[in-house]
Amino acid sequence: MLEYISAPEAAKKWGISERRVQKLCEEGRITGVVKFSRMWLIPKDVEKPVDGRIKKRKERDSK
């Protein structure tokens, strides 16, 4: 049987806000997530999804 953690526990574990975890759940970016009533249940061993908002900047050639 899978063990689950709540959104606040995942937020603390991953170092992000609880609201961000909720948004990731809503967007389907966390595999195996289940919504039970008003609470998101996240598999305990799932990895933090890659943050698609951050893009790597290319180094500019110096003139």
PDB file of N, CA and C in Angstrom:
ATOM      1  N   MET A   1       0.838  -1.195   0.000  1.00  0.00           N
ATOM      2  CA  MET A   1       0.000   0.000   0.000  1.00  0.00           C
ATOM      3  C   MET A   1       0.878   1.252   0.000  1.00  0.00           C
ATOM      4  N   LEU A   2       0.476   2.235  -0.806  1.00  0.00           N
ATOM      5  CA  LEU A   2       1.235   3.478  -0.882  1.00  0.00           C
ATOM      6  C   LEU A   2       1.026   4.328   0.361  1.00  0.00           C
ATOM      7  N   GLU A   3       2.068   5.010   0.737  1.00  0.00           N
ATOM      8  CA  GLU A   3       1.957   5.972   1.835  1.00  0.00           C
ATOM      9  C   GLU A   3       1.870   7.360   1.228  1.00  0.00           C
ATOM     10  N   TYR A   4       1.042   8.194   1.806  1.00  0.00           N
ATOM     11  CA  TYR A   4       0.817   9.537   1.286  1.00  0.00           C
ATOM     12  C   TYR A   4       1.204  10.590   2.316  1.00  0.00           C
ATOM     13  N   ILE A   5       1.536  11.786   1.793  1.00  0.00           N
ATOM     14  CA  ILE A   5       1.772  12.953   2.630  1.00  0.00           C
ATOM     15  C   ILE A   5       0.832  14.059   2.146  1.00  0.00           C
ATOM     16  N   SER A   6       0.617  15.041   2.972  1.00  0.00           N
ATOM     17  CA  SER A   6      -0.264  16.154   2.620  1.00  0.00           C
ATOM     18  C   SER A   6       0.526  17.239   1.882  1.00  0.00           C
ATOM     19  N   ALA A   7      -0.191  18.203   1.329  1.00  0.00           N
ATOM     20  CA  ALA A   7       0.448  19.317   0.624  1.00  0.00           C
ATOM     21  C   ALA A   7       1.391  20.112   1.540  1.00  0.00           C
ATOM     22  N   PRO A   8       0.999  20.412   2.795  1.00  0.00           N
ATOM     23  CA  PRO A   8       1.938  21.132   3.664  1.00  0.00           C
ATOM     24  C   PRO A   8       3.219  20.334   3.946  1.00  0.00           C
ATOM     25  N   GLU A   9       3.091  19.019   4.086  1.00  0.00           N
ATOM     26  CA  GLU A   9       4.277  18.185   4.320  1.00  0.00           C
ATOM     27  C   GLU A   9       5.171  18.166   3.086  1.00  0.00           C
ATOM     28  N   ALA A  10       4.562  18.084   1.894  1.00  0.00           N
ATOM     29  CA  ALA A  10       5.337  18.098   0.649  1.00  0.00           C
ATOM     30  C   ALA A  10       6.028  19.446   0.474  1.00  0.00           C
ATOM     31  N   ALA A  11       5.331  20.529   0.815  1.00  0.00           N
ATOM     32  CA  ALA A  11       5.910  21.868   0.703  1.00  0.00           C
ATOM     33  C   ALA A  11       7.156  21.994   1.572  1.00  0.00           C
ATOM     34  N   LYS A  12       7.076  21.499   2.778  1.00  0.00           N
ATOM     35  CA  LYS A  12       8.219  21.561   3.692  1.00  0.00           C
ATOM     36  C   LYS A  12       9.365  20.692   3.176  1.00  0.00           C
ATOM     37  N   LYS A  13       9.036  19.505   2.688  1.00  0.00           N
ATOM     38  CA  LYS A  13      10.038  18.565   2.178  1.00  0.00           C
ATOM     39  C   LYS A  13      10.768  19.134   0.957  1.00  0.00           C
ATOM     40  N   TRP A  14      10.017  19.794   0.053  1.00  0.00           N
ATOM     41  CA  TRP A  14      10.581  20.301  -1.195  1.00  0.00           C
ATOM     42  C   TRP A  14      11.081  21.740  -1.110  1.00  0.00           C
ATOM     43  N   GLY A  15      10.787  22.440  -0.011  1.00  0.00           N
ATOM     44  CA  GLY A  15      11.248  23.818   0.154  1.00  0.00           C
ATOM     45  C   GLY A  15      10.487  24.818  -0.706  1.00  0.00           C
ATOM     46  N   ILE A  16       9.205  24.564  -0.936  1.00  0.00           N
ATOM     47  CA  ILE A  16       8.362  25.486  -1.693  1.00  0.00           C
ATOM     48  C   ILE A  16       7.094  25.750  -0.894  1.00  0.00           C
ATOM     49  N   SER A  17       6.266  26.679  -1.386  1.00  0.00           N
ATOM     50  CA  SER A  17       5.055  27.025  -0.637  1.00  0.00           C
ATOM     51  C   SER A  17       3.974  25.958  -0.800  1.00  0.00           C
ATOM     52  N   GLU A  18       3.080  25.931   0.163  1.00  0.00           N
ATOM     53  CA  GLU A  18       1.957  24.995   0.111  1.00  0.00           C
ATOM     54  C   GLU A  18       1.081  25.284  -1.108  1.00  0.00           C
ATOM     55  N   ARG A  19       0.887  26.548  -1.403  1.00  0.00           N
ATOM     56  CA  ARG A  19       0.076  26.938  -2.563  1.00  0.00           C
ATOM     57  C   ARG A  19       0.697  26.429  -3.865  1.00  0.00           C
ATOM     58  N   ARG A  20       2.022  26.474  -3.966  1.00  0.00           N
ATOM     59  CA  ARG A  20       2.705  25.979  -5.171  1.00  0.00           C
ATOM     60  C   ARG A  20       2.484  24.473  -5.318  1.00  0.00           C
ATOM     61  N   VAL A  21       2.536  23.746  -4.228  1.00  0.00           N
ATOM     62  CA  VAL A  21       2.281  22.301  -4.262  1.00  0.00           C
ATOM     63  C   VAL A  21       0.858  22.051  -4.739  1.00  0.00           C
ATOM     64  N   GLN A  22      -0.100  22.826  -4.246  1.00  0.00           N
ATOM     65  CA  GLN A  22      -1.490  22.675  -4.665  1.00  0.00           C
ATOM     66  C   GLN A  22      -1.648  22.924  -6.159  1.00  0.00           C
ATOM     67  N   LYS A  23      -0.984  23.938  -6.673  1.00  0.00           N
ATOM     68  CA  LYS A  23      -1.045  24.244  -8.104  1.00  0.00           C
ATOM     69  C   LYS A  23      -0.440  23.106  -8.924  1.00  0.00           C
ATOM     70  N   LEU A  24       0.679  22.543  -8.462  1.00  0.00           N
ATOM     71  CA  LEU A  24       1.296  21.424  -9.166  1.00  0.00           C
ATOM     72  C   LEU A  24       0.344  20.228  -9.210  1.00  0.00           C
ATOM     73  N   CYS A  25      -0.386  20.019  -8.131  1.00  0.00           N
ATOM     74  CA  CYS A  25      -1.376  18.939  -8.086  1.00  0.00           C
ATOM     75  C   CYS A  25      -2.509  19.210  -9.068  1.00  0.00           C
ATOM     76  N   GLU A  26      -3.022  20.436  -9.060  1.00  0.00           N
ATOM     77  CA  GLU A  26      -4.120  20.810  -9.958  1.00  0.00           C
ATOM     78  C   GLU A  26      -3.726  20.652 -11.424  1.00  0.00           C
ATOM     79  N   GLU A  27      -2.480  20.965 -11.742  1.00  0.00           N
ATOM     80  CA  GLU A  27      -1.994  20.904 -13.120  1.00  0.00           C
ATOM     81  C   GLU A  27      -1.600  19.488 -13.537  1.00  0.00           C
ATOM     82  N   GLY A  28      -1.663  18.540 -12.603  1.00  0.00           N
ATOM     83  CA  GLY A  28      -1.313  17.159 -12.928  1.00  0.00           C
ATOM     84  C   GLY A  28       0.182  16.935 -13.098  1.00  0.00           C
ATOM     85  N   ARG A  29       0.999  17.758 -12.467  1.00  0.00           N
ATOM     86  CA  ARG A  29       2.454  17.682 -12.614  1.00  0.00           C
ATOM     87  C   ARG A  29       3.095  16.722 -11.613  1.00  0.00           C
ATOM     88  N   ILE A  30       2.317  16.234 -10.650  1.00  0.00           N
ATOM     89  CA  ILE A  30       2.825  15.284  -9.665  1.00  0.00           C
ATOM     90  C   ILE A  30       2.146  13.941  -9.934  1.00  0.00           C
ATOM     91  N   THR A  31       2.950  12.917 -10.181  1.00  0.00           N
ATOM     92  CA  THR A  31       2.387  11.614 -10.508  1.00  0.00           C
ATOM     93  C   THR A  31       1.821  10.925  -9.267  1.00  0.00           C
ATOM     94  N   GLY A  32       0.676  10.291  -9.449  1.00  0.00           N
ATOM     95  CA  GLY A  32       0.070   9.513  -8.372  1.00  0.00           C
ATOM     96  C   GLY A  32      -0.693  10.306  -7.346  1.00  0.00           C
ATOM     97  N   VAL A  33      -0.897  11.594  -7.590  1.00  0.00           N
ATOM     98  CA  VAL A  33      -1.591  12.443  -6.626  1.00  0.00           C
ATOM     99  C   VAL A  33      -3.093  12.112  -6.618  1.00  0.00           C
ATOM    100  N   VAL A  34      -3.705  12.219  -5.437  1.00  0.00           N
ATOM    101  CA  VAL A  34      -5.130  11.929  -5.267  1.00  0.00           C
ATOM    102  C   VAL A  34      -5.751  13.064  -4.472  1.00  0.00           C
ATOM    103  N   LYS A  35      -6.937  13.497  -4.905  1.00  0.00           N
ATOM    104  CA  LYS A  35      -7.650  14.515  -4.140  1.00  0.00           C
ATOM    105  C   LYS A  35      -8.727  13.822  -3.320  1.00  0.00           C
ATOM    106  N   PHE A  36      -8.655  14.005  -2.019  1.00  0.00           N
ATOM    107  CA  PHE A  36      -9.619  13.421  -1.088  1.00  0.00           C
ATOM    108  C   PHE A  36     -10.334  14.566  -0.405  1.00  0.00           C
ATOM    109  N   SER A  37     -11.581  14.769  -0.752  1.00  0.00           N
ATOM    110  CA  SER A  37     -12.364  15.900  -0.272  1.00  0.00           C
ATOM    111  C   SER A  37     -11.671  17.184  -0.719  1.00  0.00           C
ATOM    112  N   ARG A  38     -11.168  17.985   0.201  1.00  0.00           N
ATOM    113  CA  ARG A  38     -10.457  19.223  -0.164  1.00  0.00           C
ATOM    114  C   ARG A  38      -8.957  19.097   0.042  1.00  0.00           C
ATOM    115  N   MET A  39      -8.466  17.895   0.280  1.00  0.00           N
ATOM    116  CA  MET A  39      -7.058  17.694   0.602  1.00  0.00           C
ATOM    117  C   MET A  39      -6.361  16.886  -0.494  1.00  0.00           C
ATOM    118  N   TRP A  40      -5.176  17.330  -0.879  1.00  0.00           N
ATOM    119  CA  TRP A  40      -4.361  16.597  -1.842  1.00  0.00           C
ATOM    120  C   TRP A  40      -3.501  15.586  -1.100  1.00  0.00           C
ATOM    121  N   LEU A  41      -3.494  14.354  -1.578  1.00  0.00           N
ATOM    122  CA  LEU A  41      -2.648  13.300  -1.031  1.00  0.00           C
ATOM    123  C   LEU A  41      -1.570  12.995  -2.056  1.00  0.00           C
ATOM    124  N   ILE A  42      -0.325  13.138  -1.643  1.00  0.00           N
ATOM    125  CA  ILE A  42       0.826  13.005  -2.525  1.00  0.00           C
ATOM    126  C   ILE A  42       1.627  11.783  -2.091  1.00  0.00           C
ATOM    127  N   PRO A  43       1.969  10.892  -3.035  1.00  0.00           N
ATOM    128  CA  PRO A  43       2.777   9.729  -2.664  1.00  0.00           C
ATOM    129  C   PRO A  43       4.072  10.160  -1.962  1.00  0.00           C
ATOM    130  N   LYS A  44       4.399   9.469  -0.891  1.00  0.00           N
ATOM    131  CA  LYS A  44       5.533   9.847  -0.045  1.00  0.00           C
ATOM    132  C   LYS A  44       6.867   9.837  -0.787  1.00  0.00           C
ATOM    133  N   ASP A  45       7.035   8.903  -1.744  1.00  0.00           N
ATOM    134  CA  ASP A  45       8.326   8.751  -2.412  1.00  0.00           C
ATOM    135  C   ASP A  45       8.435   9.470  -3.757  1.00  0.00           C
ATOM    136  N   VAL A  46       7.431  10.283  -4.134  1.00  0.00           N
ATOM    137  CA  VAL A  46       7.474  10.978  -5.418  1.00  0.00           C
ATOM    138  C   VAL A  46       8.490  12.119  -5.365  1.00  0.00           C
ATOM    139  N   GLU A  47       9.158  12.347  -6.499  1.00  0.00           N
ATOM    140  CA  GLU A  47      10.158  13.418  -6.600  1.00  0.00           C
ATOM    141  C   GLU A  47       9.472  14.746  -6.902  1.00  0.00           C
ATOM    142  N   LYS A  48      10.114  15.825  -6.485  1.00  0.00           N
ATOM    143  CA  LYS A  48       9.617  17.168  -6.777  1.00  0.00           C
ATOM    144  C   LYS A  48       9.691  17.392  -8.290  1.00  0.00           C
ATOM    145  N   PRO A  49       8.601  17.868  -8.915  1.00  0.00           N
ATOM    146  CA  PRO A  49       8.637  18.124 -10.354  1.00  0.00           C
ATOM    147  C   PRO A  49       9.578  19.284 -10.696  1.00  0.00           C
ATOM    148  N   VAL A  50      10.102  19.249 -11.898  1.00  0.00           N
ATOM    149  CA  VAL A  50      10.985  20.315 -12.368  1.00  0.00           C
ATOM    150  C   VAL A  50      10.164  21.587 -12.524  1.00  0.00           C
ATOM    151  N   ASP A  51      10.721  22.695 -12.070  1.00  0.00           N
ATOM    152  CA  ASP A  51      10.024  23.976 -12.148  1.00  0.00           C
ATOM    153  C   ASP A  51      10.149  24.526 -13.565  1.00  0.00           C
ATOM    154  N   GLY A  52       9.059  24.483 -14.318  1.00  0.00           N
ATOM    155  CA  GLY A  52       9.053  24.941 -15.702  1.00  0.00           C
ATOM    156  C   GLY A  52       9.058  26.448 -15.850  1.00  0.00           C
ATOM    157  N   ARG A  53       8.922  27.169 -14.742  1.00  0.00           N
ATOM    158  CA  ARG A  53       8.913  28.636 -14.814  1.00  0.00           C
ATOM    159  C   ARG A  53      10.302  29.202 -14.942  1.00  0.00           C
ATOM    160  N   ILE A  54      11.311  28.438 -14.544  1.00  0.00           N
ATOM    161  CA  ILE A  54      12.685  28.932 -14.553  1.00  0.00           C
ATOM    162  C   ILE A  54      13.380  28.416 -15.808  1.00  0.00           C
ATOM    163  N   LYS A  55      13.936  29.335 -16.572  1.00  0.00           N
ATOM    164  CA  LYS A  55      14.654  28.965 -17.782  1.00  0.00           C
ATOM    165  C   LYS A  55      16.121  29.301 -17.592  1.00  0.00           C
ATOM    166  N   LYS A  56      16.979  28.450 -18.135  1.00  0.00           N
ATOM    167  CA  LYS A  56      18.408  28.739 -18.056  1.00  0.00           C
ATOM    168  C   LYS A  56      18.741  29.860 -19.035  1.00  0.00           C
ATOM    169  N   ARG A  57      19.553  30.775 -18.573  1.00  0.00           N
ATOM    170  CA  ARG A  57      19.971  31.878 -19.432  1.00  0.00           C
ATOM    171  C   ARG A  57      21.248  31.499 -20.145  1.00  0.00           C
ATOM    172  N   LYS A  58      21.310  31.862 -21.407  1.00  0.00           N
ATOM    173  CA  LYS A  58      22.526  31.612 -22.165  1.00  0.00           C
ATOM    174  C   LYS A  58      23.524  32.711 -21.846  1.00  0.00           C
ATOM    175  N   GLU A  59      24.777  32.318 -21.731  1.00  0.00           N
ATOM    176  CA  GLU A  59      25.806  33.330 -21.467  1.00  0.00           C
ATOM    177  C   GLU A  59      26.023  34.153 -22.715  1.00  0.00           C
ATOM    178  N   ARG A  60      26.132  35.433 -22.517  1.00  0.00           N
ATOM    179  CA  ARG A  60      26.343  36.340 -23.657  1.00  0.00           C
ATOM    180  C   ARG A  60      27.836  36.418 -23.951  1.00  0.00           C
ATOM    181  N   ASP A  61      28.138  36.436 -25.217  1.00  0.00           N
ATOM    182  CA  ASP A  61      29.546  36.592 -25.629  1.00  0.00           C
ATOM    183  C   ASP A  61      29.978  38.013 -25.303  1.00  0.00           C
ATOM    184  N   SER A  62      31.144  38.134 -24.704  1.00  0.00           N
ATOM    185  CA  SER A  62      31.654  39.469 -24.395  1.00  0.00           C
ATOM    186  C   SER A  62      32.321  40.036 -25.640  1.00  0.00           C
ATOM    187  N   LYS A  63      32.098  41.323 -25.849  1.00  0.00           N
ATOM    188  CA  LYS A  63      32.644  41.990 -27.051  1.00  0.00           C
ATOM    189  C   LYS A  63      33.979  42.595 -26.782  1.00  0.00           C
TER     190      LYS A  63
END
